[in-house]
Amino acid sequence: MSERKIICDDAIAWLESQQILTGCSLVASMPDISEFSGYSLKEWKDWFSQTAELILSRAPDDGVTIFYQSDIKVDSLWVDKGFLCQKAAEKLGHQLVFHKIICRFAPGTITFGRPAYSHLLCFSKTLKPDLSKSSADVVPDLGEKTWERGMGLEACLLAAKFISEQTKSQTVVHPFCGEGGMLAAANAYGLNAVGIERSPKRAKKAQTLGLDLVKREWIVN
């Protein structure tokens, strides 16, 4: 029986207090500049890059770190979060295992404030995946979300399935876990899950959110 643990704390402070998380893989979806009142774009980029490095630094060599990130547009200019993640990974000696595109809107849809897709990027120091178990590089629908900033169901399942099938990890650690969609997906694939979320309200929901893997739908208790 898989287990779930929710830690109501600041994710960065918690990660800084940890050593390498043996037996784990990490999944993260880091907040963008809209959640940082008073930050300049440069200040937020510095924060984002440093936080990505911190998360990567806690992954064991045989585990993976997966980032789910949506680009933004600031003053009409594109800010590529996938690029920032790849720079952080390269700096720490992690290699790109896969890069998926998760469609947030139907292909051909014009969007303005935020692009119509998200990145799902996987990094590891030593893991080389079994290519016979490859999944689609472009996912046409991110799936239902439990809250506005959450990972879509299909993105959560893709990440959990990869960790379950292609790594030796027994536990998924999810900083900034929100309402726990990724944790529910990890449990559905038989993995233990640890979520870190500073909002007591969201942490409470993350403790109980379930997932019906057959019906591919959330179970909200």
N, C-alpha and C. Protein backbone atom coordinates (compact mmCIF):
# COMPACT_ATOMS: atom_id res chain seq x y z
N MET A 1 0.85 -1.20 0.00
CA MET A 1 0.00 0.00 0.00
C MET A 1 0.88 1.24 0.00
N SER A 2 0.72 2.10 -0.98
CA SER A 2 1.54 3.30 -1.06
C SER A 2 1.12 4.30 0.02
N GLU A 3 2.05 5.11 0.43
CA GLU A 3 1.83 6.08 1.50
C GLU A 3 1.92 7.49 0.96
N ARG A 4 1.33 8.43 1.71
CA ARG A 4 1.39 9.84 1.35
C ARG A 4 1.65 10.66 2.61
N LYS A 5 2.58 11.61 2.49
CA LYS A 5 2.91 12.50 3.61
C LYS A 5 2.88 13.93 3.11
N ILE A 6 2.14 14.79 3.80
CA ILE A 6 2.08 16.20 3.44
C ILE A 6 2.78 17.02 4.53
N ILE A 7 3.71 17.84 4.11
CA ILE A 7 4.45 18.71 5.02
C ILE A 7 4.02 20.14 4.76
N CYS A 8 3.37 20.75 5.73
CA CYS A 8 2.90 22.14 5.57
C CYS A 8 4.05 23.06 5.98
N ASP A 9 4.82 23.47 4.99
CA ASP A 9 6.03 24.25 5.24
C ASP A 9 6.43 24.92 3.94
N ASP A 10 7.38 25.85 4.04
CA ASP A 10 7.95 26.47 2.86
C ASP A 10 8.82 25.44 2.14
N ALA A 11 8.57 25.22 0.86
CA ALA A 11 9.27 24.17 0.12
C ALA A 11 10.77 24.41 0.05
N ILE A 12 11.17 25.66 -0.12
CA ILE A 12 12.61 25.95 -0.22
C ILE A 12 13.30 25.67 1.11
N ALA A 13 12.71 26.12 2.21
CA ALA A 13 13.31 25.87 3.53
C ALA A 13 13.41 24.37 3.79
N TRP A 14 12.36 23.63 3.40
CA TRP A 14 12.39 22.18 3.61
C TRP A 14 13.49 21.53 2.79
N LEU A 15 13.60 21.90 1.52
CA LEU A 15 14.63 21.32 0.66
C LEU A 15 16.03 21.66 1.17
N GLU A 16 16.21 22.87 1.63
CA GLU A 16 17.53 23.27 2.15
C GLU A 16 17.92 22.47 3.38
N SER A 17 16.94 21.95 4.09
CA SER A 17 17.23 21.17 5.31
C SER A 17 17.53 19.70 5.00
N GLN A 18 17.37 19.31 3.72
CA GLN A 18 17.55 17.91 3.33
C GLN A 18 18.91 17.65 2.69
N GLN A 19 19.33 16.39 2.77
CA GLN A 19 20.45 15.91 1.98
C GLN A 19 19.87 15.31 0.69
N ILE A 20 20.68 14.58 -0.05
CA ILE A 20 20.16 13.90 -1.24
C ILE A 20 19.07 12.92 -0.81
N LEU A 21 17.95 12.93 -1.54
CA LEU A 21 16.77 12.14 -1.16
C LEU A 21 16.85 10.75 -1.80
N THR A 22 17.60 9.88 -1.15
CA THR A 22 17.84 8.54 -1.66
C THR A 22 16.52 7.79 -1.85
N GLY A 23 16.41 7.09 -2.97
CA GLY A 23 15.22 6.31 -3.26
C GLY A 23 14.06 7.14 -3.80
N CYS A 24 14.33 8.40 -4.10
CA CYS A 24 13.25 9.30 -4.52
C CYS A 24 13.52 9.87 -5.92
N SER A 25 12.45 10.30 -6.56
CA SER A 25 12.51 11.21 -7.70
C SER A 25 11.67 12.42 -7.33
N LEU A 26 11.96 13.56 -7.97
CA LEU A 26 11.27 14.80 -7.63
C LEU A 26 10.48 15.32 -8.81
N VAL A 27 9.34 15.91 -8.51
CA VAL A 27 8.52 16.58 -9.51
C VAL A 27 8.20 17.97 -8.98
N ALA A 28 8.35 18.98 -9.82
CA ALA A 28 8.10 20.35 -9.36
C ALA A 28 7.43 21.18 -10.44
N SER A 29 6.56 22.06 -9.99
CA SER A 29 5.97 23.08 -10.86
C SER A 29 6.09 24.40 -10.10
N MET A 30 7.09 25.18 -10.48
CA MET A 30 7.44 26.36 -9.69
C MET A 30 6.60 27.57 -10.09
N PRO A 31 6.28 28.43 -9.12
CA PRO A 31 5.43 29.60 -9.41
C PRO A 31 6.12 30.61 -10.31
N ASP A 32 5.30 31.36 -11.07
CA ASP A 32 5.87 32.37 -11.95
C ASP A 32 5.79 33.76 -11.32
N ILE A 33 6.17 34.75 -12.08
CA ILE A 33 6.34 36.10 -11.54
C ILE A 33 5.04 36.71 -11.02
N SER A 34 3.90 36.23 -11.50
CA SER A 34 2.62 36.77 -11.04
C SER A 34 2.38 36.53 -9.56
N GLU A 35 3.11 35.59 -8.97
CA GLU A 35 2.96 35.27 -7.55
C GLU A 35 4.02 35.96 -6.68
N PHE A 36 4.81 36.86 -7.29
CA PHE A 36 5.89 37.53 -6.57
C PHE A 36 5.69 39.04 -6.64
N SER A 37 4.91 39.56 -5.76
CA SER A 37 4.62 40.99 -5.73
C SER A 37 5.91 41.79 -5.47
N GLY A 38 6.17 42.76 -6.34
CA GLY A 38 7.33 43.62 -6.15
C GLY A 38 8.61 43.13 -6.78
N TYR A 39 8.62 41.91 -7.32
CA TYR A 39 9.82 41.38 -7.95
C TYR A 39 9.96 41.92 -9.37
N SER A 40 11.18 42.28 -9.74
CA SER A 40 11.46 42.57 -11.15
C SER A 40 11.59 41.25 -11.88
N LEU A 41 11.56 41.29 -13.22
CA LEU A 41 11.72 40.07 -14.00
C LEU A 41 13.06 39.41 -13.70
N LYS A 42 14.12 40.21 -13.58
CA LYS A 42 15.44 39.64 -13.28
C LYS A 42 15.44 38.97 -11.91
N GLU A 43 14.84 39.61 -10.92
CA GLU A 43 14.80 39.01 -9.58
C GLU A 43 14.06 37.68 -9.59
N TRP A 44 12.94 37.63 -10.31
CA TRP A 44 12.19 36.39 -10.37
C TRP A 44 12.99 35.31 -11.12
N LYS A 45 13.63 35.68 -12.23
CA LYS A 45 14.43 34.70 -12.97
C LYS A 45 15.54 34.14 -12.09
N ASP A 46 16.18 35.01 -11.30
CA ASP A 46 17.24 34.54 -10.39
C ASP A 46 16.66 33.56 -9.38
N TRP A 47 15.49 33.91 -8.83
CA TRP A 47 14.84 33.01 -7.86
C TRP A 47 14.51 31.68 -8.52
N PHE A 48 13.93 31.73 -9.69
CA PHE A 48 13.52 30.52 -10.40
C PHE A 48 14.72 29.61 -10.66
N SER A 49 15.81 30.18 -11.17
CA SER A 49 17.00 29.39 -11.49
C SER A 49 17.61 28.78 -10.24
N GLN A 50 17.70 29.57 -9.16
CA GLN A 50 18.27 29.05 -7.91
C GLN A 50 17.42 27.94 -7.32
N THR A 51 16.10 28.09 -7.43
CA THR A 51 15.20 27.08 -6.90
C THR A 51 15.27 25.80 -7.73
N ALA A 52 15.35 25.94 -9.04
CA ALA A 52 15.51 24.76 -9.90
C ALA A 52 16.79 24.01 -9.54
N GLU A 53 17.87 24.74 -9.32
CA GLU A 53 19.13 24.11 -8.93
C GLU A 53 18.99 23.38 -7.59
N LEU A 54 18.31 24.00 -6.64
CA LEU A 54 18.11 23.38 -5.33
C LEU A 54 17.34 22.07 -5.47
N ILE A 55 16.28 22.07 -6.26
CA ILE A 55 15.48 20.85 -6.45
C ILE A 55 16.32 19.77 -7.12
N LEU A 56 17.02 20.12 -8.17
CA LEU A 56 17.88 19.17 -8.87
C LEU A 56 18.96 18.58 -7.95
N SER A 57 19.48 19.41 -7.07
CA SER A 57 20.58 18.98 -6.20
C SER A 57 20.16 17.93 -5.18
N ARG A 58 18.86 17.77 -4.96
CA ARG A 58 18.39 16.79 -3.96
C ARG A 58 18.02 15.46 -4.59
N ALA A 59 18.10 15.35 -5.92
CA ALA A 59 17.78 14.09 -6.59
C ALA A 59 18.99 13.16 -6.56
N PRO A 60 18.78 11.88 -6.25
CA PRO A 60 19.89 10.92 -6.33
C PRO A 60 20.27 10.69 -7.78
N ASP A 61 21.49 10.19 -7.98
CA ASP A 61 21.99 10.02 -9.35
C ASP A 61 21.10 9.11 -10.19
N ASP A 62 20.49 8.09 -9.58
CA ASP A 62 19.67 7.15 -10.34
C ASP A 62 18.19 7.54 -10.38
N GLY A 63 17.85 8.68 -9.80
CA GLY A 63 16.49 9.19 -9.86
C GLY A 63 16.35 10.23 -10.94
N VAL A 64 15.17 10.84 -11.01
CA VAL A 64 14.94 11.89 -11.99
C VAL A 64 14.33 13.11 -11.30
N THR A 65 14.46 14.24 -11.96
CA THR A 65 13.75 15.46 -11.58
C THR A 65 12.91 15.88 -12.77
N ILE A 66 11.62 16.03 -12.54
CA ILE A 66 10.69 16.40 -13.61
C ILE A 66 10.09 17.77 -13.28
N PHE A 67 10.16 18.67 -14.24
CA PHE A 67 9.57 20.01 -14.10
C PHE A 67 8.38 20.14 -15.04
N TYR A 68 7.27 20.62 -14.49
CA TYR A 68 6.10 20.98 -15.29
C TYR A 68 5.99 22.49 -15.25
N GLN A 69 6.22 23.17 -16.37
CA GLN A 69 6.28 24.62 -16.38
C GLN A 69 5.62 25.21 -17.62
N SER A 70 4.88 26.29 -17.41
CA SER A 70 4.26 27.01 -18.52
C SER A 70 4.98 28.34 -18.71
N ASP A 71 5.37 28.63 -19.94
CA ASP A 71 6.05 29.89 -20.22
C ASP A 71 5.11 31.07 -19.96
N ILE A 72 5.68 32.26 -19.89
CA ILE A 72 4.89 33.48 -19.70
C ILE A 72 5.36 34.54 -20.69
N LYS A 73 4.56 35.57 -20.82
CA LYS A 73 4.92 36.72 -21.64
C LYS A 73 4.91 37.95 -20.75
N VAL A 74 6.02 38.67 -20.72
CA VAL A 74 6.15 39.86 -19.88
C VAL A 74 6.53 41.03 -20.78
N ASP A 75 5.71 42.08 -20.74
CA ASP A 75 5.93 43.25 -21.61
C ASP A 75 6.06 42.82 -23.07
N SER A 76 5.20 41.90 -23.47
CA SER A 76 5.13 41.38 -24.85
C SER A 76 6.29 40.48 -25.24
N LEU A 77 7.20 40.18 -24.30
CA LEU A 77 8.35 39.33 -24.61
C LEU A 77 8.19 37.97 -23.94
N TRP A 78 8.66 36.94 -24.62
CA TRP A 78 8.51 35.56 -24.19
C TRP A 78 9.56 35.21 -23.13
N VAL A 79 9.12 34.57 -22.06
CA VAL A 79 10.03 34.06 -21.02
C VAL A 79 9.91 32.54 -21.03
N ASP A 80 10.98 31.87 -21.42
CA ASP A 80 10.97 30.42 -21.61
C ASP A 80 11.45 29.73 -20.32
N LYS A 81 10.51 29.20 -19.56
CA LYS A 81 10.88 28.51 -18.32
C LYS A 81 11.62 27.20 -18.59
N GLY A 82 11.30 26.57 -19.71
CA GLY A 82 12.01 25.35 -20.06
C GLY A 82 13.50 25.61 -20.24
N PHE A 83 13.83 26.74 -20.86
CA PHE A 83 15.23 27.12 -21.03
C PHE A 83 15.91 27.34 -19.69
N LEU A 84 15.20 27.99 -18.76
CA LEU A 84 15.77 28.23 -17.43
C LEU A 84 16.04 26.91 -16.70
N CYS A 85 15.11 25.97 -16.83
CA CYS A 85 15.31 24.65 -16.21
C CYS A 85 16.50 23.93 -16.82
N GLN A 86 16.64 24.01 -18.14
CA GLN A 86 17.73 23.32 -18.79
C GLN A 86 19.08 23.94 -18.43
N LYS A 87 19.13 25.26 -18.26
CA LYS A 87 20.37 25.89 -17.82
C LYS A 87 20.76 25.42 -16.43
N ALA A 88 19.79 25.33 -15.53
CA ALA A 88 20.06 24.87 -14.16
C ALA A 88 20.55 23.43 -14.18
N ALA A 89 19.91 22.59 -14.99
CA ALA A 89 20.30 21.18 -15.05
C ALA A 89 21.72 21.02 -15.61
N GLU A 90 22.02 21.75 -16.66
CA GLU A 90 23.35 21.67 -17.25
C GLU A 90 24.42 22.11 -16.26
N LYS A 91 24.13 23.12 -15.49
CA LYS A 91 25.09 23.63 -14.50
C LYS A 91 25.43 22.57 -13.47
N LEU A 92 24.45 21.72 -13.12
CA LEU A 92 24.65 20.71 -12.09
C LEU A 92 25.00 19.33 -12.66
N GLY A 93 25.15 19.24 -13.97
CA GLY A 93 25.56 17.97 -14.57
C GLY A 93 24.43 16.98 -14.78
N HIS A 94 23.20 17.47 -14.88
CA HIS A 94 22.06 16.60 -15.17
C HIS A 94 21.77 16.65 -16.67
N GLN A 95 21.43 15.49 -17.22
CA GLN A 95 21.14 15.41 -18.65
C GLN A 95 19.63 15.36 -18.89
N LEU A 96 19.22 15.84 -20.06
CA LEU A 96 17.82 15.85 -20.43
C LEU A 96 17.38 14.45 -20.86
N VAL A 97 16.44 13.87 -20.13
CA VAL A 97 15.94 12.53 -20.43
C VAL A 97 14.78 12.60 -21.42
N PHE A 98 13.86 13.54 -21.20
CA PHE A 98 12.81 13.79 -22.18
C PHE A 98 12.30 15.21 -22.05
N HIS A 99 11.67 15.68 -23.11
CA HIS A 99 11.02 16.99 -23.15
C HIS A 99 9.69 16.81 -23.86
N LYS A 100 8.60 16.86 -23.09
CA LYS A 100 7.26 16.71 -23.64
C LYS A 100 6.59 18.08 -23.75
N ILE A 101 5.71 18.20 -24.71
CA ILE A 101 4.86 19.38 -24.85
C ILE A 101 3.44 18.98 -24.47
N ILE A 102 2.89 19.65 -23.48
CA ILE A 102 1.54 19.37 -23.00
C ILE A 102 0.63 20.51 -23.46
N CYS A 103 -0.31 20.23 -24.32
CA CYS A 103 -1.19 21.28 -24.86
C CYS A 103 -2.19 21.74 -23.80
N ARG A 104 -2.22 23.04 -23.56
CA ARG A 104 -3.18 23.63 -22.64
C ARG A 104 -4.45 24.04 -23.38
N PHE A 105 -4.33 24.28 -24.66
CA PHE A 105 -5.45 24.58 -25.55
C PHE A 105 -5.26 23.77 -26.83
N ALA A 106 -6.32 23.64 -27.59
CA ALA A 106 -6.23 22.87 -28.83
C ALA A 106 -5.20 23.49 -29.77
N PRO A 107 -4.40 22.67 -30.47
CA PRO A 107 -3.45 23.21 -31.45
C PRO A 107 -4.16 24.14 -32.43
N GLY A 108 -3.51 25.25 -32.74
CA GLY A 108 -4.10 26.26 -33.62
C GLY A 108 -4.79 27.38 -32.89
N THR A 109 -4.96 27.22 -31.57
CA THR A 109 -5.60 28.26 -30.77
C THR A 109 -4.61 29.40 -30.52
N ILE A 110 -5.04 30.63 -30.70
CA ILE A 110 -4.21 31.80 -30.41
C ILE A 110 -4.43 32.22 -28.97
N THR A 111 -3.33 32.37 -28.23
CA THR A 111 -3.40 32.84 -26.85
C THR A 111 -2.54 34.10 -26.72
N PHE A 112 -2.74 34.83 -25.64
CA PHE A 112 -2.06 36.12 -25.50
C PHE A 112 -1.17 36.18 -24.26
N GLY A 113 -1.73 36.12 -23.09
CA GLY A 113 -0.92 36.28 -21.88
C GLY A 113 0.00 35.12 -21.60
N ARG A 114 -0.38 33.93 -22.01
CA ARG A 114 0.42 32.74 -21.74
C ARG A 114 0.32 31.80 -22.92
N PRO A 115 1.41 31.13 -23.29
CA PRO A 115 1.37 30.22 -24.42
C PRO A 115 0.37 29.08 -24.24
N ALA A 116 0.04 28.42 -25.34
CA ALA A 116 -1.00 27.40 -25.35
C ALA A 116 -0.49 26.02 -24.94
N TYR A 117 0.74 25.94 -24.47
CA TYR A 117 1.29 24.64 -24.08
C TYR A 117 2.17 24.81 -22.84
N SER A 118 2.46 23.69 -22.20
CA SER A 118 3.40 23.64 -21.08
C SER A 118 4.53 22.68 -21.42
N HIS A 119 5.65 22.86 -20.72
CA HIS A 119 6.78 21.94 -20.84
C HIS A 119 6.68 20.87 -19.76
N LEU A 120 7.04 19.65 -20.10
CA LEU A 120 7.31 18.61 -19.11
C LEU A 120 8.71 18.10 -19.41
N LEU A 121 9.65 18.47 -18.54
CA LEU A 121 11.06 18.17 -18.77
C LEU A 121 11.57 17.24 -17.68
N CYS A 122 12.31 16.22 -18.09
CA CYS A 122 12.85 15.24 -17.15
C CYS A 122 14.37 15.22 -17.24
N PHE A 123 15.03 15.30 -16.08
CA PHE A 123 16.50 15.32 -16.02
C PHE A 123 17.01 14.23 -15.08
N SER A 124 18.21 13.75 -15.36
CA SER A 124 18.86 12.79 -14.47
C SER A 124 20.36 12.83 -14.70
N LYS A 125 21.11 12.45 -13.67
CA LYS A 125 22.56 12.38 -13.82
C LYS A 125 23.00 11.11 -14.53
N THR A 126 22.33 9.99 -14.26
CA THR A 126 22.81 8.72 -14.82
C THR A 126 21.74 7.90 -15.54
N LEU A 127 20.46 8.16 -15.32
CA LEU A 127 19.41 7.32 -15.90
C LEU A 127 19.38 7.42 -17.42
N LYS A 128 19.33 6.27 -18.06
CA LYS A 128 19.11 6.21 -19.50
C LYS A 128 17.83 5.40 -19.71
N PRO A 129 16.78 6.01 -20.23
CA PRO A 129 15.48 5.34 -20.29
C PRO A 129 15.44 4.22 -21.32
N ASP A 130 14.52 3.30 -21.09
CA ASP A 130 14.22 2.24 -22.05
C ASP A 130 13.34 2.84 -23.14
N LEU A 131 13.90 3.04 -24.32
CA LEU A 131 13.17 3.71 -25.39
C LEU A 131 11.98 2.91 -25.90
N SER A 132 11.94 1.61 -25.61
CA SER A 132 10.78 0.80 -26.02
C SER A 132 9.54 1.17 -25.21
N LYS A 133 9.73 1.90 -24.11
CA LYS A 133 8.61 2.34 -23.27
C LYS A 133 8.31 3.83 -23.46
N SER A 134 8.78 4.38 -24.56
CA SER A 134 8.59 5.81 -24.81
C SER A 134 7.10 6.16 -24.93
N SER A 135 6.78 7.38 -24.55
CA SER A 135 5.42 7.89 -24.68
C SER A 135 5.42 9.06 -25.66
N ALA A 136 4.24 9.55 -25.98
CA ALA A 136 4.12 10.62 -26.97
C ALA A 136 4.87 11.86 -26.53
N ASP A 137 5.51 12.54 -27.47
CA ASP A 137 6.23 13.77 -27.16
C ASP A 137 5.30 14.98 -27.08
N VAL A 138 4.16 14.90 -27.75
CA VAL A 138 3.16 15.96 -27.70
C VAL A 138 1.86 15.37 -27.16
N VAL A 139 1.41 15.89 -26.02
CA VAL A 139 0.19 15.41 -25.38
C VAL A 139 -0.92 16.41 -25.71
N PRO A 140 -1.97 16.00 -26.42
CA PRO A 140 -2.95 16.96 -26.94
C PRO A 140 -3.85 17.61 -25.91
N ASP A 141 -3.90 17.07 -24.69
CA ASP A 141 -4.79 17.63 -23.67
C ASP A 141 -4.17 17.39 -22.30
N LEU A 142 -3.92 18.46 -21.54
CA LEU A 142 -3.28 18.29 -20.25
C LEU A 142 -4.18 17.60 -19.24
N GLY A 143 -5.49 17.53 -19.49
CA GLY A 143 -6.40 16.87 -18.57
C GLY A 143 -6.95 17.83 -17.53
N GLU A 144 -7.91 17.33 -16.77
CA GLU A 144 -8.58 18.15 -15.76
C GLU A 144 -7.62 18.56 -14.65
N LYS A 145 -7.78 19.79 -14.18
CA LYS A 145 -7.00 20.29 -13.05
C LYS A 145 -7.92 20.43 -11.84
N THR A 146 -7.35 20.23 -10.65
CA THR A 146 -8.17 20.39 -9.44
C THR A 146 -8.20 21.84 -8.97
N TRP A 147 -7.25 22.65 -9.45
CA TRP A 147 -7.25 24.08 -9.14
C TRP A 147 -6.48 24.80 -10.24
N GLU A 148 -6.61 26.12 -10.26
CA GLU A 148 -6.12 26.92 -11.38
C GLU A 148 -4.65 26.68 -11.70
N ARG A 149 -3.81 26.57 -10.68
CA ARG A 149 -2.36 26.44 -10.91
C ARG A 149 -1.87 24.99 -10.87
N GLY A 150 -2.80 24.06 -10.83
CA GLY A 150 -2.40 22.67 -10.71
C GLY A 150 -1.91 22.06 -12.01
N MET A 151 -1.17 20.95 -11.89
CA MET A 151 -0.80 20.16 -13.06
C MET A 151 -2.04 19.43 -13.56
N GLY A 152 -2.21 19.34 -14.85
CA GLY A 152 -3.33 18.59 -15.40
C GLY A 152 -3.17 17.10 -15.14
N LEU A 153 -4.29 16.41 -15.15
CA LEU A 153 -4.30 14.98 -14.85
C LEU A 153 -3.37 14.20 -15.76
N GLU A 154 -3.40 14.47 -17.06
CA GLU A 154 -2.57 13.71 -18.00
C GLU A 154 -1.08 13.95 -17.76
N ALA A 155 -0.71 15.17 -17.41
CA ALA A 155 0.69 15.45 -17.10
C ALA A 155 1.13 14.70 -15.85
N CYS A 156 0.26 14.67 -14.82
CA CYS A 156 0.57 13.95 -13.59
C CYS A 156 0.75 12.46 -13.85
N LEU A 157 -0.16 11.88 -14.64
CA LEU A 157 -0.08 10.45 -14.93
C LEU A 157 1.16 10.11 -15.74
N LEU A 158 1.50 10.97 -16.70
CA LEU A 158 2.69 10.71 -17.52
C LEU A 158 3.94 10.69 -16.66
N ALA A 159 4.06 11.68 -15.75
CA ALA A 159 5.23 11.74 -14.87
C ALA A 159 5.29 10.55 -13.93
N ALA A 160 4.15 10.21 -13.32
CA ALA A 160 4.12 9.10 -12.37
C ALA A 160 4.42 7.78 -13.05
N LYS A 161 3.85 7.56 -14.22
CA LYS A 161 4.08 6.31 -14.96
C LYS A 161 5.55 6.16 -15.33
N PHE A 162 6.18 7.25 -15.77
CA PHE A 162 7.60 7.18 -16.12
C PHE A 162 8.44 6.82 -14.90
N ILE A 163 8.19 7.48 -13.78
CA ILE A 163 8.98 7.20 -12.57
C ILE A 163 8.77 5.76 -12.12
N SER A 164 7.52 5.28 -12.18
CA SER A 164 7.21 3.92 -11.77
C SER A 164 7.88 2.88 -12.65
N GLU A 165 7.88 3.11 -13.95
CA GLU A 165 8.37 2.10 -14.90
C GLU A 165 9.86 2.19 -15.20
N GLN A 166 10.42 3.40 -15.09
CA GLN A 166 11.77 3.59 -15.63
C GLN A 166 12.82 3.98 -14.59
N THR A 167 12.44 4.07 -13.33
CA THR A 167 13.42 4.37 -12.29
C THR A 167 13.29 3.34 -11.17
N LYS A 168 14.24 3.38 -10.26
CA LYS A 168 14.19 2.53 -9.07
C LYS A 168 13.57 3.27 -7.88
N SER A 169 13.08 4.45 -8.11
CA SER A 169 12.52 5.26 -7.03
C SER A 169 11.27 4.60 -6.43
N GLN A 170 11.17 4.68 -5.12
CA GLN A 170 9.97 4.22 -4.43
C GLN A 170 9.07 5.37 -4.02
N THR A 171 9.62 6.60 -4.06
CA THR A 171 8.90 7.77 -3.54
C THR A 171 9.03 8.94 -4.50
N VAL A 172 7.92 9.66 -4.68
CA VAL A 172 7.92 10.92 -5.42
C VAL A 172 7.85 12.06 -4.42
N VAL A 173 8.78 12.98 -4.50
CA VAL A 173 8.78 14.18 -3.66
C VAL A 173 8.35 15.36 -4.53
N HIS A 174 7.32 16.09 -4.06
CA HIS A 174 6.75 17.16 -4.87
C HIS A 174 6.73 18.47 -4.09
N PRO A 175 7.80 19.30 -4.23
CA PRO A 175 7.75 20.65 -3.64
C PRO A 175 6.67 21.48 -4.34
N PHE A 176 6.09 22.43 -3.63
CA PHE A 176 5.01 23.27 -4.17
C PHE A 176 3.86 22.37 -4.66
N CYS A 177 3.42 21.44 -3.82
CA CYS A 177 2.51 20.39 -4.29
C CYS A 177 1.08 20.85 -4.50
N GLY A 178 0.71 22.05 -4.05
CA GLY A 178 -0.65 22.53 -4.27
C GLY A 178 -1.68 21.61 -3.65
N GLU A 179 -2.68 21.22 -4.42
CA GLU A 179 -3.75 20.37 -3.89
C GLU A 179 -3.47 18.88 -4.07
N GLY A 180 -2.27 18.54 -4.55
CA GLY A 180 -1.83 17.15 -4.47
C GLY A 180 -2.12 16.26 -5.66
N GLY A 181 -2.37 16.84 -6.84
CA GLY A 181 -2.64 16.00 -8.01
C GLY A 181 -1.50 15.04 -8.33
N MET A 182 -0.28 15.53 -8.27
CA MET A 182 0.87 14.69 -8.57
C MET A 182 1.03 13.59 -7.52
N LEU A 183 0.70 13.90 -6.29
CA LEU A 183 0.80 12.91 -5.22
C LEU A 183 -0.21 11.79 -5.42
N ALA A 184 -1.43 12.16 -5.82
CA ALA A 184 -2.47 11.16 -6.09
C ALA A 184 -2.06 10.26 -7.25
N ALA A 185 -1.46 10.85 -8.29
CA ALA A 185 -1.01 10.06 -9.44
C ALA A 185 0.10 9.11 -9.03
N ALA A 186 1.04 9.58 -8.20
CA ALA A 186 2.12 8.72 -7.72
C ALA A 186 1.55 7.53 -6.95
N ASN A 187 0.62 7.79 -6.03
CA ASN A 187 0.00 6.70 -5.27
C ASN A 187 -0.73 5.73 -6.19
N ALA A 188 -1.39 6.24 -7.22
CA ALA A 188 -2.12 5.39 -8.15
C ALA A 188 -1.20 4.42 -8.87
N TYR A 189 0.06 4.79 -9.03
CA TYR A 189 1.05 3.92 -9.66
C TYR A 189 1.90 3.17 -8.65
N GLY A 190 1.45 3.13 -7.40
CA GLY A 190 2.12 2.34 -6.38
C GLY A 190 3.33 2.98 -5.75
N LEU A 191 3.51 4.27 -5.97
CA LEU A 191 4.65 4.99 -5.40
C LEU A 191 4.23 5.73 -4.14
N ASN A 192 5.13 5.81 -3.18
CA ASN A 192 4.91 6.68 -2.03
C ASN A 192 5.04 8.13 -2.49
N ALA A 193 4.46 9.05 -1.73
CA ALA A 193 4.48 10.45 -2.14
C ALA A 193 4.67 11.36 -0.93
N VAL A 194 5.52 12.36 -1.12
CA VAL A 194 5.74 13.39 -0.11
C VAL A 194 5.50 14.74 -0.77
N GLY A 195 4.58 15.52 -0.23
CA GLY A 195 4.29 16.84 -0.77
C GLY A 195 4.63 17.92 0.23
N ILE A 196 5.17 19.04 -0.26
CA ILE A 196 5.48 20.18 0.60
C ILE A 196 4.66 21.35 0.09
N GLU A 197 3.84 21.92 0.97
CA GLU A 197 2.92 22.99 0.59
C GLU A 197 2.71 23.91 1.79
N ARG A 198 2.97 25.21 1.60
CA ARG A 198 2.89 26.12 2.74
C ARG A 198 1.47 26.60 3.05
N SER A 199 0.55 26.44 2.11
CA SER A 199 -0.84 26.83 2.36
C SER A 199 -1.56 25.73 3.14
N PRO A 200 -2.00 25.99 4.37
CA PRO A 200 -2.71 24.95 5.13
C PRO A 200 -3.95 24.44 4.40
N LYS A 201 -4.66 25.33 3.72
CA LYS A 201 -5.87 24.93 3.01
C LYS A 201 -5.55 23.95 1.89
N ARG A 202 -4.53 24.27 1.08
CA ARG A 202 -4.17 23.37 -0.01
C ARG A 202 -3.53 22.09 0.53
N ALA A 203 -2.74 22.20 1.59
CA ALA A 203 -2.12 21.01 2.19
C ALA A 203 -3.17 20.03 2.68
N LYS A 204 -4.25 20.54 3.24
CA LYS A 204 -5.33 19.67 3.72
C LYS A 204 -5.98 18.93 2.55
N LYS A 205 -6.21 19.62 1.45
CA LYS A 205 -6.79 18.97 0.27
C LYS A 205 -5.82 17.93 -0.31
N ALA A 206 -4.53 18.26 -0.28
CA ALA A 206 -3.52 17.35 -0.84
C ALA A 206 -3.46 16.04 -0.07
N GLN A 207 -3.88 16.06 1.17
CA GLN A 207 -3.85 14.85 2.00
C GLN A 207 -4.88 13.83 1.56
N THR A 208 -5.99 14.31 0.99
CA THR A 208 -7.12 13.41 0.72
C THR A 208 -7.46 13.22 -0.75
N LEU A 209 -6.91 14.02 -1.65
CA LEU A 209 -7.25 13.91 -3.07
C LEU A 209 -6.91 12.51 -3.59
N GLY A 210 -7.86 11.91 -4.28
CA GLY A 210 -7.64 10.59 -4.85
C GLY A 210 -7.68 10.62 -6.37
N LEU A 211 -7.44 9.46 -6.96
CA LEU A 211 -7.42 9.35 -8.42
C LEU A 211 -7.89 7.97 -8.82
N ASP A 212 -8.89 7.91 -9.68
CA ASP A 212 -9.35 6.66 -10.26
C ASP A 212 -8.57 6.45 -11.55
N LEU A 213 -7.63 5.51 -11.52
CA LEU A 213 -6.74 5.32 -12.66
C LEU A 213 -7.49 4.72 -13.86
N VAL A 214 -8.50 3.91 -13.59
CA VAL A 214 -9.26 3.29 -14.68
C VAL A 214 -10.11 4.34 -15.41
N LYS A 215 -10.82 5.17 -14.63
CA LYS A 215 -11.67 6.20 -15.22
C LYS A 215 -10.89 7.46 -15.58
N ARG A 216 -9.63 7.55 -15.11
CA ARG A 216 -8.78 8.72 -15.34
C ARG A 216 -9.50 9.99 -14.89
N GLU A 217 -9.88 9.99 -13.60
CA GLU A 217 -10.52 11.17 -13.04
C GLU A 217 -10.17 11.30 -11.56
N TRP A 218 -10.16 12.57 -11.10
CA TRP A 218 -9.86 12.85 -9.70
C TRP A 218 -11.01 12.40 -8.81
N ILE A 219 -10.67 12.03 -7.58
CA ILE A 219 -11.65 11.74 -6.55
C ILE A 219 -11.44 12.79 -5.46
N VAL A 220 -12.34 13.75 -5.40
CA VAL A 220 -12.22 14.87 -4.45
C VAL A 220 -13.06 14.55 -3.22
N ASN A 221 -12.39 14.36 -2.09
CA ASN A 221 -13.09 14.05 -0.84
C ASN A 221 -13.39 15.29 -0.04
